[in-house]
Amino acid sequence: MSLPGKDRRPYDARRRQDAARQTRAAVLTAFGELLFAEGYRGTTIQAVAARAGVSPETVYKTFGGKAGLTKALWDVTVAGDDEPVVMAEREQLREVWATEDPEAKMLRYAGFVRGVNERLAGLAALLAQAGPEAAEVLADSERERRAGVGAFTAHLADTGVLRAGVDPASAADGWWVLTGPRPFTDLTVGCGWDGARYEQWLAGLLAANLL
């Protein structure tokens, strides 16, 4: 005979995990909505908690304040979901790594960059004007993106795809700038390009300069 409550523990643990994940998602959704409606300075933890239907203490305990909320929202926006999977191990990037044809590899990578920027551009523009606290989050996130671009150019070098004479580190510096949300916004909003045109342009530029 099992001890009282023993059989319920796995279920209870899963239920608590699901509840915590739902709370986290609700708080991030509320934060994102308020951020675009009220701006960074006008968005308070109290307002986020009220909109999400939780206590301010829950928000602080889960995210540690507005900086933590901002970083979490950024990460979820970059990924497109809240799955605990690092970007390098996500299916779309695994497909980029596995593609053998160099031009097809560039097109897949450009499609990945397009998707990230379509999700991220609005948030990046908002946070760029939000003050020092948000700027620190942006700086940390850009360092992560720079590392990701560096991993891509290193992959090209390791697989013999990178053109002879191209320095991987220098290439990564340039592509970190060109694949960011600002050029995407300049081309799609400022110049009226659609996402498909941006993707083709980026893939062609990558191929011309790196292959």
C-alpha atoms as a PDB file:
ATOM      1  CA  MET A   1       0.000   0.000   0.000  1.00  0.00           C
ATOM      2  CA  SER A   2       1.421   3.371  -1.002  1.00  0.00           C
ATOM      3  CA  LEU A   3       1.893   6.164   1.464  1.00  0.00           C
ATOM      4  CA  PRO A   4      -0.792   8.878   1.489  1.00  0.00           C
ATOM      5  CA  GLY A   5      -0.091  11.452  -1.181  1.00  0.00           C
ATOM      6  CA  LYS A   6       2.899   9.587  -2.666  1.00  0.00           C
ATOM      7  CA  ASP A   7       1.176   8.761  -5.962  1.00  0.00           C
ATOM      8  CA  ARG A   8       0.099  12.381  -6.389  1.00  0.00           C
ATOM      9  CA  ARG A   9       3.562  13.919  -6.227  1.00  0.00           C
ATOM     10  CA  PRO A  10       4.544  13.591  -9.930  1.00  0.00           C
ATOM     11  CA  TYR A  11       1.148  14.973 -10.955  1.00  0.00           C
ATOM     12  CA  ASP A  12       1.347  17.779  -8.421  1.00  0.00           C
ATOM     13  CA  ALA A  13       4.856  18.686  -9.582  1.00  0.00           C
ATOM     14  CA  ARG A  14       3.740  18.842 -13.212  1.00  0.00           C
ATOM     15  CA  ARG A  15       0.690  20.864 -12.266  1.00  0.00           C
ATOM     16  CA  ARG A  16       2.832  23.356 -10.361  1.00  0.00           C
ATOM     17  CA  GLN A  17       5.221  23.635 -13.306  1.00  0.00           C
ATOM     18  CA  ASP A  18       2.352  24.229 -15.712  1.00  0.00           C
ATOM     19  CA  ALA A  19       0.836  26.841 -13.423  1.00  0.00           C
ATOM     20  CA  ALA A  20       4.170  28.625 -13.069  1.00  0.00           C
ATOM     21  CA  ARG A  21       4.634  28.639 -16.821  1.00  0.00           C
ATOM     22  CA  GLN A  22       1.132  30.012 -17.377  1.00  0.00           C
ATOM     23  CA  THR A  23       1.760  32.730 -14.809  1.00  0.00           C
ATOM     24  CA  ARG A  24       5.056  33.630 -16.439  1.00  0.00           C
ATOM     25  CA  ALA A  25       3.414  33.836 -19.863  1.00  0.00           C
ATOM     26  CA  ALA A  26       0.554  35.962 -18.539  1.00  0.00           C
ATOM     27  CA  VAL A  27       2.953  38.401 -16.885  1.00  0.00           C
ATOM     28  CA  LEU A  28       5.089  38.731 -20.021  1.00  0.00           C
ATOM     29  CA  THR A  29       2.011  39.278 -22.175  1.00  0.00           C
ATOM     30  CA  ALA A  30       0.769  41.961 -19.810  1.00  0.00           C
ATOM     31  CA  PHE A  31       4.178  43.602 -19.713  1.00  0.00           C
ATOM     32  CA  GLY A  32       4.445  43.653 -23.491  1.00  0.00           C
ATOM     33  CA  GLU A  33       0.989  45.154 -23.923  1.00  0.00           C
ATOM     34  CA  LEU A  34       1.629  47.868 -21.356  1.00  0.00           C
ATOM     35  CA  LEU A  35       5.084  48.559 -22.728  1.00  0.00           C
ATOM     36  CA  PHE A  36       3.712  49.461 -26.146  1.00  0.00           C
ATOM     37  CA  ALA A  37       0.718  51.323 -24.706  1.00  0.00           C
ATOM     38  CA  GLU A  38       2.394  53.274 -21.898  1.00  0.00           C
ATOM     39  CA  GLY A  39       6.112  53.201 -22.721  1.00  0.00           C
ATOM     40  CA  TYR A  40       8.898  51.824 -20.571  1.00  0.00           C
ATOM     41  CA  ARG A  41       8.818  54.548 -17.928  1.00  0.00           C
ATOM     42  CA  GLY A  42       5.029  54.512 -17.731  1.00  0.00           C
ATOM     43  CA  THR A  43       4.831  50.760 -17.182  1.00  0.00           C
ATOM     44  CA  THR A  44       4.898  49.803 -13.495  1.00  0.00           C
ATOM     45  CA  ILE A  45       5.203  46.440 -11.815  1.00  0.00           C
ATOM     46  CA  GLN A  46       1.898  47.124 -10.091  1.00  0.00           C
ATOM     47  CA  ALA A  47       0.164  47.705 -13.428  1.00  0.00           C
ATOM     48  CA  VAL A  48       1.696  44.585 -14.934  1.00  0.00           C
ATOM     49  CA  ALA A  49       0.600  42.501 -11.951  1.00  0.00           C
ATOM     50  CA  ALA A  50      -2.942  43.859 -12.094  1.00  0.00           C
ATOM     51  CA  ARG A  51      -3.235  43.191 -15.810  1.00  0.00           C
ATOM     52  CA  ALA A  52      -1.866  39.656 -15.421  1.00  0.00           C
ATOM     53  CA  GLY A  53      -4.061  38.903 -12.404  1.00  0.00           C
ATOM     54  CA  VAL A  54      -1.200  38.216 -10.011  1.00  0.00           C
ATOM     55  CA  SER A  55       0.395  40.018  -7.088  1.00  0.00           C
ATOM     56  CA  PRO A  56       3.345  42.402  -7.499  1.00  0.00           C
ATOM     57  CA  GLU A  57       5.296  40.048  -5.232  1.00  0.00           C
ATOM     58  CA  THR A  58       4.812  37.257  -7.783  1.00  0.00           C
ATOM     59  CA  VAL A  59       6.220  39.455 -10.536  1.00  0.00           C
ATOM     60  CA  TYR A  60       9.252  40.397  -8.441  1.00  0.00           C
ATOM     61  CA  LYS A  61       9.806  36.802  -7.369  1.00  0.00           C
ATOM     62  CA  THR A  62       9.621  35.515 -10.941  1.00  0.00           C
ATOM     63  CA  PHE A  63      11.505  38.246 -12.810  1.00  0.00           C
ATOM     64  CA  GLY A  64      13.226  40.428 -10.228  1.00  0.00           C
ATOM     65  CA  GLY A  65      11.862  43.732 -11.536  1.00  0.00           C
ATOM     66  CA  LYS A  66      11.532  45.615 -14.817  1.00  0.00           C
ATOM     67  CA  ALA A  67      15.018  44.812 -16.076  1.00  0.00           C
ATOM     68  CA  GLY A  68      14.377  41.098 -15.608  1.00  0.00           C
ATOM     69  CA  LEU A  69      10.970  41.430 -17.246  1.00  0.00           C
ATOM     70  CA  THR A  70      12.503  43.246 -20.181  1.00  0.00           C
ATOM     71  CA  LYS A  71      15.202  40.615 -20.724  1.00  0.00           C
ATOM     72  CA  ALA A  72      12.663  37.793 -20.472  1.00  0.00           C
ATOM     73  CA  LEU A  73      10.333  39.517 -22.948  1.00  0.00           C
ATOM     74  CA  TRP A  74      13.253  40.089 -25.309  1.00  0.00           C
ATOM     75  CA  ASP A  75      14.313  36.430 -25.152  1.00  0.00           C
ATOM     76  CA  VAL A  76      10.776  35.153 -25.765  1.00  0.00           C
ATOM     77  CA  THR A  77      10.352  37.591 -28.648  1.00  0.00           C
ATOM     78  CA  VAL A  78      13.635  36.545 -30.260  1.00  0.00           C
ATOM     79  CA  ALA A  79      12.751  32.852 -29.979  1.00  0.00           C
ATOM     80  CA  GLY A  80       9.079  33.209 -30.834  1.00  0.00           C
ATOM     81  CA  ASP A  81       8.030  31.056 -27.872  1.00  0.00           C
ATOM     82  CA  ASP A  82       8.895  30.342 -24.255  1.00  0.00           C
ATOM     83  CA  GLU A  83      10.369  26.871 -24.769  1.00  0.00           C
ATOM     84  CA  PRO A  84      13.575  26.396 -22.718  1.00  0.00           C
ATOM     85  CA  VAL A  85      15.707  25.711 -25.801  1.00  0.00           C
ATOM     86  CA  VAL A  86      18.756  27.828 -26.644  1.00  0.00           C
ATOM     87  CA  MET A  87      18.759  29.447 -30.089  1.00  0.00           C
ATOM     88  CA  ALA A  88      21.634  27.350 -31.442  1.00  0.00           C
ATOM     89  CA  GLU A  89      19.660  24.162 -30.772  1.00  0.00           C
ATOM     90  CA  ARG A  90      16.403  25.298 -32.343  1.00  0.00           C
ATOM     91  CA  GLU A  91      15.167  23.482 -35.426  1.00  0.00           C
ATOM     92  CA  GLN A  92      15.515  26.397 -37.847  1.00  0.00           C
ATOM     93  CA  LEU A  93      19.166  26.958 -36.975  1.00  0.00           C
ATOM     94  CA  ARG A  94      19.897  23.227 -36.939  1.00  0.00           C
ATOM     95  CA  GLU A  95      18.584  23.155 -40.506  1.00  0.00           C
ATOM     96  CA  VAL A  96      20.936  26.017 -41.417  1.00  0.00           C
ATOM     97  CA  TRP A  97      23.890  24.133 -39.955  1.00  0.00           C
ATOM     98  CA  ALA A  98      22.902  20.886 -41.705  1.00  0.00           C
ATOM     99  CA  THR A  99      22.346  22.401 -45.172  1.00  0.00           C
ATOM    100  CA  GLU A 100      25.279  21.501 -47.400  1.00  0.00           C
ATOM    101  CA  ASP A 101      24.639  23.692 -50.440  1.00  0.00           C
ATOM    102  CA  PRO A 102      26.277  27.066 -49.617  1.00  0.00           C
ATOM    103  CA  GLU A 103      23.708  29.310 -51.315  1.00  0.00           C
ATOM    104  CA  ALA A 104      20.824  27.349 -49.816  1.00  0.00           C
ATOM    105  CA  LYS A 105      22.529  27.684 -46.425  1.00  0.00           C
ATOM    106  CA  MET A 106      22.647  31.472 -46.829  1.00  0.00           C
ATOM    107  CA  LEU A 107      18.994  31.606 -47.828  1.00  0.00           C
ATOM    108  CA  ARG A 108      17.984  29.557 -44.785  1.00  0.00           C
ATOM    109  CA  TYR A 109      20.059  31.778 -42.522  1.00  0.00           C
ATOM    110  CA  ALA A 110      18.532  34.906 -44.062  1.00  0.00           C
ATOM    111  CA  GLY A 111      15.084  33.422 -43.418  1.00  0.00           C
ATOM    112  CA  PHE A 112      16.003  32.873 -39.803  1.00  0.00           C
ATOM    113  CA  VAL A 113      17.243  36.468 -39.446  1.00  0.00           C
ATOM    114  CA  ARG A 114      14.105  37.789 -41.135  1.00  0.00           C
ATOM    115  CA  GLY A 115      11.872  35.928 -38.680  1.00  0.00           C
ATOM    116  CA  VAL A 116      13.776  37.219 -35.663  1.00  0.00           C
ATOM    117  CA  ASN A 117      13.692  40.798 -36.907  1.00  0.00           C
ATOM    118  CA  GLU A 118      10.009  40.679 -37.796  1.00  0.00           C
ATOM    119  CA  ARG A 119       9.284  39.737 -34.199  1.00  0.00           C
ATOM    120  CA  LEU A 120      11.893  41.962 -32.605  1.00  0.00           C
ATOM    121  CA  ALA A 121      12.106  45.249 -34.503  1.00  0.00           C
ATOM    122  CA  GLY A 122       9.269  47.040 -32.712  1.00  0.00           C
ATOM    123  CA  LEU A 123      10.502  46.066 -29.262  1.00  0.00           C
ATOM    124  CA  ALA A 124      14.080  47.019 -30.126  1.00  0.00           C
ATOM    125  CA  ALA A 125      13.011  50.472 -31.315  1.00  0.00           C
ATOM    126  CA  LEU A 126      10.955  51.050 -28.180  1.00  0.00           C
ATOM    127  CA  LEU A 127      13.706  49.982 -25.805  1.00  0.00           C
ATOM    128  CA  ALA A 128      16.310  52.056 -27.639  1.00  0.00           C
ATOM    129  CA  GLN A 129      14.498  55.151 -26.320  1.00  0.00           C
ATOM    130  CA  ALA A 130      13.670  53.811 -22.865  1.00  0.00           C
ATOM    131  CA  GLY A 131      16.636  54.959 -20.785  1.00  0.00           C
ATOM    132  CA  PRO A 132      19.689  53.451 -19.070  1.00  0.00           C
ATOM    133  CA  GLU A 133      18.048  50.380 -17.515  1.00  0.00           C
ATOM    134  CA  ALA A 134      16.608  49.206 -20.823  1.00  0.00           C
ATOM    135  CA  ALA A 135      19.824  50.159 -22.607  1.00  0.00           C
ATOM    136  CA  GLU A 136      21.730  47.754 -20.364  1.00  0.00           C
ATOM    137  CA  VAL A 137      19.346  44.945 -21.283  1.00  0.00           C
ATOM    138  CA  LEU A 138      19.747  45.813 -24.961  1.00  0.00           C
ATOM    139  CA  ALA A 139      23.525  45.785 -24.646  1.00  0.00           C
ATOM    140  CA  ASP A 140      23.504  42.336 -23.022  1.00  0.00           C
ATOM    141  CA  SER A 141      21.160  41.015 -25.705  1.00  0.00           C
ATOM    142  CA  GLU A 142      23.292  42.457 -28.497  1.00  0.00           C
ATOM    143  CA  ARG A 143      26.352  40.726 -27.056  1.00  0.00           C
ATOM    144  CA  GLU A 144      24.431  37.469 -27.234  1.00  0.00           C
ATOM    145  CA  ARG A 145      23.431  38.183 -30.838  1.00  0.00           C
ATOM    146  CA  ARG A 146      27.026  39.043 -31.698  1.00  0.00           C
ATOM    147  CA  ALA A 147      28.124  35.672 -30.303  1.00  0.00           C
ATOM    148  CA  GLY A 148      25.492  33.957 -32.430  1.00  0.00           C
ATOM    149  CA  VAL A 149      26.674  35.689 -35.605  1.00  0.00           C
ATOM    150  CA  GLY A 150      30.230  34.766 -34.683  1.00  0.00           C
ATOM    151  CA  ALA A 151      29.207  31.128 -34.336  1.00  0.00           C
ATOM    152  CA  PHE A 152      27.671  31.239 -37.822  1.00  0.00           C
ATOM    153  CA  THR A 153      30.774  32.683 -39.505  1.00  0.00           C
ATOM    154  CA  ALA A 154      32.969  30.226 -37.594  1.00  0.00           C
ATOM    155  CA  HIS A 155      30.728  27.428 -38.872  1.00  0.00           C
ATOM    156  CA  LEU A 156      31.229  28.672 -42.434  1.00  0.00           C
ATOM    157  CA  ALA A 157      34.999  28.645 -41.911  1.00  0.00           C
ATOM    158  CA  ASP A 158      35.014  25.210 -40.281  1.00  0.00           C
ATOM    159  CA  THR A 159      33.007  23.661 -43.118  1.00  0.00           C
ATOM    160  CA  GLY A 160      35.166  25.216 -45.831  1.00  0.00           C
ATOM    161  CA  VAL A 161      32.372  27.442 -47.140  1.00  0.00           C
ATOM    162  CA  LEU A 162      33.894  30.782 -46.180  1.00  0.00           C
ATOM    163  CA  ARG A 163      35.759  32.402 -49.055  1.00  0.00           C
ATOM    164  CA  ALA A 164      39.564  32.289 -48.829  1.00  0.00           C
ATOM    165  CA  GLY A 165      41.007  35.441 -47.336  1.00  0.00           C
ATOM    166  CA  VAL A 166      37.871  36.372 -45.378  1.00  0.00           C
ATOM    167  CA  ASP A 167      38.609  36.736 -41.683  1.00  0.00           C
ATOM    168  CA  PRO A 168      35.755  35.097 -39.695  1.00  0.00           C
ATOM    169  CA  ALA A 169      35.973  37.601 -36.827  1.00  0.00           C
ATOM    170  CA  SER A 170      35.870  40.621 -39.129  1.00  0.00           C
ATOM    171  CA  ALA A 171      33.038  39.073 -41.124  1.00  0.00           C
ATOM    172  CA  ALA A 172      31.106  38.515 -37.914  1.00  0.00           C
ATOM    173  CA  ASP A 173      31.536  42.172 -36.962  1.00  0.00           C
ATOM    174  CA  GLY A 174      30.034  43.320 -40.239  1.00  0.00           C
ATOM    175  CA  TRP A 175      27.188  40.846 -40.270  1.00  0.00           C
ATOM    176  CA  TRP A 176      26.302  41.587 -36.678  1.00  0.00           C
ATOM    177  CA  VAL A 177      25.572  45.150 -37.821  1.00  0.00           C
ATOM    178  CA  LEU A 178      23.802  44.249 -41.070  1.00  0.00           C
ATOM    179  CA  THR A 179      21.573  41.515 -39.604  1.00  0.00           C
ATOM    180  CA  GLY A 180      20.330  43.648 -36.702  1.00  0.00           C
ATOM    181  CA  PRO A 181      16.821  45.048 -36.262  1.00  0.00           C
ATOM    182  CA  ARG A 182      17.770  48.597 -37.290  1.00  0.00           C
ATOM    183  CA  PRO A 183      18.715  47.803 -40.938  1.00  0.00           C
ATOM    184  CA  PHE A 184      15.622  45.592 -41.155  1.00  0.00           C
ATOM    185  CA  THR A 185      13.434  48.487 -40.005  1.00  0.00           C
ATOM    186  CA  ASP A 186      15.154  50.959 -42.326  1.00  0.00           C
ATOM    187  CA  LEU A 187      14.491  48.726 -45.319  1.00  0.00           C
ATOM    188  CA  THR A 188      11.001  47.476 -44.500  1.00  0.00           C
ATOM    189  CA  VAL A 189       9.563  50.632 -42.945  1.00  0.00           C
ATOM    190  CA  GLY A 190      11.773  53.336 -44.397  1.00  0.00           C
ATOM    191  CA  CYS A 191      12.046  51.892 -47.917  1.00  0.00           C
ATOM    192  CA  GLY A 192       8.800  49.937 -48.004  1.00  0.00           C
ATOM    193  CA  TRP A 193      10.336  46.516 -48.650  1.00  0.00           C
ATOM    194  CA  ASP A 194       8.360  43.426 -47.704  1.00  0.00           C
ATOM    195  CA  GLY A 195       9.907  40.615 -45.703  1.00  0.00           C
ATOM    196  CA  ALA A 196      10.528  38.413 -48.732  1.00  0.00           C
ATOM    197  CA  ARG A 197      12.516  41.145 -50.512  1.00  0.00           C
ATOM    198  CA  TYR A 198      14.596  41.733 -47.378  1.00  0.00           C
ATOM    199  CA  GLU A 199      15.290  38.014 -47.068  1.00  0.00           C
ATOM    200  CA  GLN A 200      16.431  37.698 -50.690  1.00  0.00           C
ATOM    201  CA  TRP A 201      18.604  40.814 -50.386  1.00  0.00           C
ATOM    202  CA  LEU A 202      20.279  39.547 -47.229  1.00  0.00           C
ATOM    203  CA  ALA A 203      20.873  36.077 -48.659  1.00  0.00           C
ATOM    204  CA  GLY A 204      22.431  37.569 -51.795  1.00  0.00           C
ATOM    205  CA  LEU A 205      24.625  39.898 -49.785  1.00  0.00           C
ATOM    206  CA  LEU A 206      25.798  37.057 -47.554  1.00  0.00           C
ATOM    207  CA  ALA A 207      26.599  34.870 -50.547  1.00  0.00           C
ATOM    208  CA  ALA A 208      28.423  37.630 -52.421  1.00  0.00           C
ATOM    209  CA  ASN A 209      30.619  38.567 -49.477  1.00  0.00           C
ATOM    210  CA  LEU A 210      31.234  35.285 -47.698  1.00  0.00           C
ATOM    211  CA  LEU A 211      31.140  32.404 -50.167  1.00  0.00           C
END
